[in-house]
Amino acid sequence: MSDHIQIGDISPRVQHIGDGTQTVFTFPFPIFKDEDLEVYINGTLKTLASDYTITGAGASSGGE
């Protein structure tokens, strides 16, 4: 039997404040696939692959 994502009692929203040098930001909740996560910068929805990448899809602990 394969492993399953564990869904915890955590808000599926994180807000980070950039400092102009940090390029990796974490999210502490599971997503099933990269497209399940939306990234906004200054209220503008960004495009996966051209504006940002995701690691950790399918992991219970979240990703970056």
N, C-alpha and C. Protein backbone atom coordinates (compact mmCIF):
# COMPACT_ATOMS: atom_id res chain seq x y z
N MET A 1 0.85 -1.19 0.00
CA MET A 1 0.00 0.00 0.00
C MET A 1 0.89 1.24 0.00
N SER A 2 0.54 2.21 -0.80
CA SER A 2 1.35 3.43 -0.89
C SER A 2 1.06 4.37 0.27
N ASP A 3 1.98 5.30 0.50
CA ASP A 3 1.80 6.30 1.54
C ASP A 3 0.75 7.32 1.12
N HIS A 4 0.11 7.92 2.10
CA HIS A 4 -0.90 8.93 1.84
C HIS A 4 -0.48 10.25 2.48
N ILE A 5 -0.91 11.35 1.90
CA ILE A 5 -0.67 12.66 2.51
C ILE A 5 -1.50 12.76 3.78
N GLN A 6 -0.90 13.23 4.84
CA GLN A 6 -1.60 13.47 6.10
C GLN A 6 -2.04 14.92 6.15
N ILE A 7 -3.33 15.17 6.27
CA ILE A 7 -3.86 16.53 6.33
C ILE A 7 -4.03 16.91 7.79
N GLY A 8 -3.27 17.89 8.24
CA GLY A 8 -3.34 18.34 9.63
C GLY A 8 -4.29 19.51 9.79
N ASP A 9 -4.43 19.97 11.00
CA ASP A 9 -5.29 21.11 11.31
C ASP A 9 -4.45 22.38 11.24
N ILE A 10 -4.19 22.84 10.03
CA ILE A 10 -3.35 24.02 9.82
C ILE A 10 -3.96 24.84 8.68
N SER A 11 -3.85 26.13 8.77
CA SER A 11 -4.39 27.02 7.75
C SER A 11 -3.59 26.87 6.46
N PRO A 12 -4.28 26.68 5.32
CA PRO A 12 -3.55 26.51 4.06
C PRO A 12 -3.21 27.84 3.40
N ARG A 13 -2.75 28.77 4.20
CA ARG A 13 -2.35 30.07 3.66
C ARG A 13 -1.15 30.58 4.46
N VAL A 14 -0.17 31.07 3.75
CA VAL A 14 1.03 31.61 4.38
C VAL A 14 1.35 32.93 3.70
N GLN A 15 1.74 33.90 4.50
CA GLN A 15 2.16 35.18 3.94
C GLN A 15 3.61 35.42 4.34
N HIS A 16 4.44 35.71 3.36
CA HIS A 16 5.85 36.01 3.61
C HIS A 16 6.13 37.45 3.18
N ILE A 17 7.04 38.08 3.85
CA ILE A 17 7.48 39.42 3.47
C ILE A 17 8.90 39.29 2.94
N GLY A 18 9.07 39.65 1.67
CA GLY A 18 10.37 39.54 1.02
C GLY A 18 11.31 40.66 1.45
N ASP A 19 12.60 40.35 1.42
CA ASP A 19 13.61 41.35 1.78
C ASP A 19 14.51 41.69 0.59
N GLY A 20 14.18 41.17 -0.59
CA GLY A 20 14.97 41.45 -1.78
C GLY A 20 16.10 40.46 -2.00
N THR A 21 16.41 39.63 -1.00
CA THR A 21 17.49 38.65 -1.17
C THR A 21 17.01 37.21 -1.00
N GLN A 22 16.03 36.99 -0.14
CA GLN A 22 15.51 35.65 0.08
C GLN A 22 14.74 35.18 -1.15
N THR A 23 15.02 33.95 -1.61
CA THR A 23 14.36 33.44 -2.81
C THR A 23 13.57 32.16 -2.56
N VAL A 24 13.70 31.57 -1.38
CA VAL A 24 13.00 30.33 -1.05
C VAL A 24 12.07 30.60 0.13
N PHE A 25 10.81 30.24 -0.04
CA PHE A 25 9.80 30.45 1.00
C PHE A 25 9.08 29.13 1.25
N THR A 26 8.83 28.79 2.49
CA THR A 26 8.23 27.51 2.83
C THR A 26 6.71 27.62 2.97
N PHE A 27 6.05 26.49 2.78
CA PHE A 27 4.64 26.35 3.12
C PHE A 27 4.49 25.08 3.96
N PRO A 28 3.87 25.18 5.15
CA PRO A 28 3.85 24.05 6.09
C PRO A 28 2.61 23.16 5.98
N PHE A 29 1.99 23.11 4.81
CA PHE A 29 0.79 22.29 4.63
C PHE A 29 0.93 21.48 3.35
N PRO A 30 0.25 20.35 3.26
CA PRO A 30 0.39 19.50 2.08
C PRO A 30 -0.41 20.02 0.89
N ILE A 31 0.14 19.80 -0.30
CA ILE A 31 -0.59 20.00 -1.55
C ILE A 31 -0.41 18.73 -2.36
N PHE A 32 -1.36 18.41 -3.21
CA PHE A 32 -1.27 17.19 -3.99
C PHE A 32 -0.40 17.34 -5.23
N LYS A 33 -0.49 18.50 -5.89
CA LYS A 33 0.31 18.75 -7.08
C LYS A 33 0.72 20.23 -7.10
N ASP A 34 1.74 20.56 -7.87
CA ASP A 34 2.27 21.92 -7.91
C ASP A 34 1.18 22.95 -8.21
N GLU A 35 0.27 22.61 -9.11
CA GLU A 35 -0.78 23.56 -9.52
C GLU A 35 -1.78 23.88 -8.41
N ASP A 36 -1.74 23.16 -7.30
CA ASP A 36 -2.65 23.42 -6.17
C ASP A 36 -2.24 24.65 -5.36
N LEU A 37 -1.04 25.15 -5.57
CA LEU A 37 -0.54 26.30 -4.82
C LEU A 37 -0.55 27.54 -5.71
N GLU A 38 -1.11 28.62 -5.22
CA GLU A 38 -1.10 29.89 -5.94
C GLU A 38 -0.17 30.86 -5.23
N VAL A 39 0.60 31.60 -6.00
CA VAL A 39 1.54 32.58 -5.46
C VAL A 39 1.13 33.96 -5.96
N TYR A 40 0.98 34.88 -5.02
CA TYR A 40 0.66 36.26 -5.34
C TYR A 40 1.78 37.16 -4.85
N ILE A 41 2.15 38.13 -5.65
CA ILE A 41 3.12 39.15 -5.24
C ILE A 41 2.44 40.49 -5.44
N ASN A 42 2.32 41.23 -4.33
CA ASN A 42 1.63 42.52 -4.35
C ASN A 42 0.24 42.42 -4.98
N GLY A 43 -0.47 41.33 -4.66
CA GLY A 43 -1.83 41.15 -5.13
C GLY A 43 -1.97 40.60 -6.53
N THR A 44 -0.86 40.33 -7.21
CA THR A 44 -0.89 39.81 -8.58
C THR A 44 -0.58 38.32 -8.58
N LEU A 45 -1.47 37.52 -9.17
CA LEU A 45 -1.25 36.08 -9.29
C LEU A 45 -0.09 35.81 -10.24
N LYS A 46 0.87 35.03 -9.78
CA LYS A 46 2.05 34.69 -10.58
C LYS A 46 1.83 33.36 -11.30
N THR A 47 2.68 33.08 -12.30
CA THR A 47 2.54 31.89 -13.14
C THR A 47 3.57 30.85 -12.75
N LEU A 48 3.08 29.64 -12.46
CA LEU A 48 3.94 28.51 -12.13
C LEU A 48 4.89 28.24 -13.28
N ALA A 49 6.11 27.92 -12.96
CA ALA A 49 7.20 27.58 -13.89
C ALA A 49 7.89 28.81 -14.47
N SER A 50 7.15 29.86 -14.85
CA SER A 50 7.83 31.04 -15.38
C SER A 50 8.15 32.05 -14.28
N ASP A 51 7.32 32.15 -13.23
CA ASP A 51 7.57 33.10 -12.14
C ASP A 51 8.09 32.42 -10.87
N TYR A 52 7.76 31.15 -10.69
CA TYR A 52 8.17 30.43 -9.48
C TYR A 52 8.13 28.93 -9.71
N THR A 53 8.82 28.19 -8.86
CA THR A 53 8.78 26.72 -8.88
C THR A 53 8.42 26.23 -7.49
N ILE A 54 8.00 25.00 -7.42
CA ILE A 54 7.56 24.40 -6.15
C ILE A 54 8.27 23.07 -5.96
N THR A 55 8.68 22.81 -4.72
CA THR A 55 9.13 21.49 -4.33
C THR A 55 8.28 21.07 -3.14
N GLY A 56 8.00 19.79 -3.03
CA GLY A 56 7.27 19.29 -1.88
C GLY A 56 5.84 18.88 -2.15
N ALA A 57 5.37 18.95 -3.39
CA ALA A 57 4.01 18.48 -3.68
C ALA A 57 3.93 16.99 -3.35
N GLY A 58 2.89 16.63 -2.62
CA GLY A 58 2.71 15.23 -2.22
C GLY A 58 3.31 14.92 -0.87
N ALA A 59 4.01 15.85 -0.27
CA ALA A 59 4.62 15.63 1.06
C ALA A 59 3.69 16.15 2.15
N SER A 60 3.49 15.37 3.19
CA SER A 60 2.62 15.78 4.29
C SER A 60 3.09 17.02 5.01
N SER A 61 4.40 17.26 5.02
CA SER A 61 4.97 18.37 5.78
C SER A 61 5.01 19.68 4.99
N GLY A 62 4.60 19.66 3.72
CA GLY A 62 4.65 20.88 2.92
C GLY A 62 5.89 20.93 2.06
N GLY A 63 6.31 22.14 1.73
CA GLY A 63 7.48 22.26 0.86
C GLY A 63 7.96 23.68 0.74
N GLU A 64 8.56 23.99 -0.40
CA GLU A 64 9.16 25.31 -0.65
C GLU A 64 8.73 25.81 -2.02
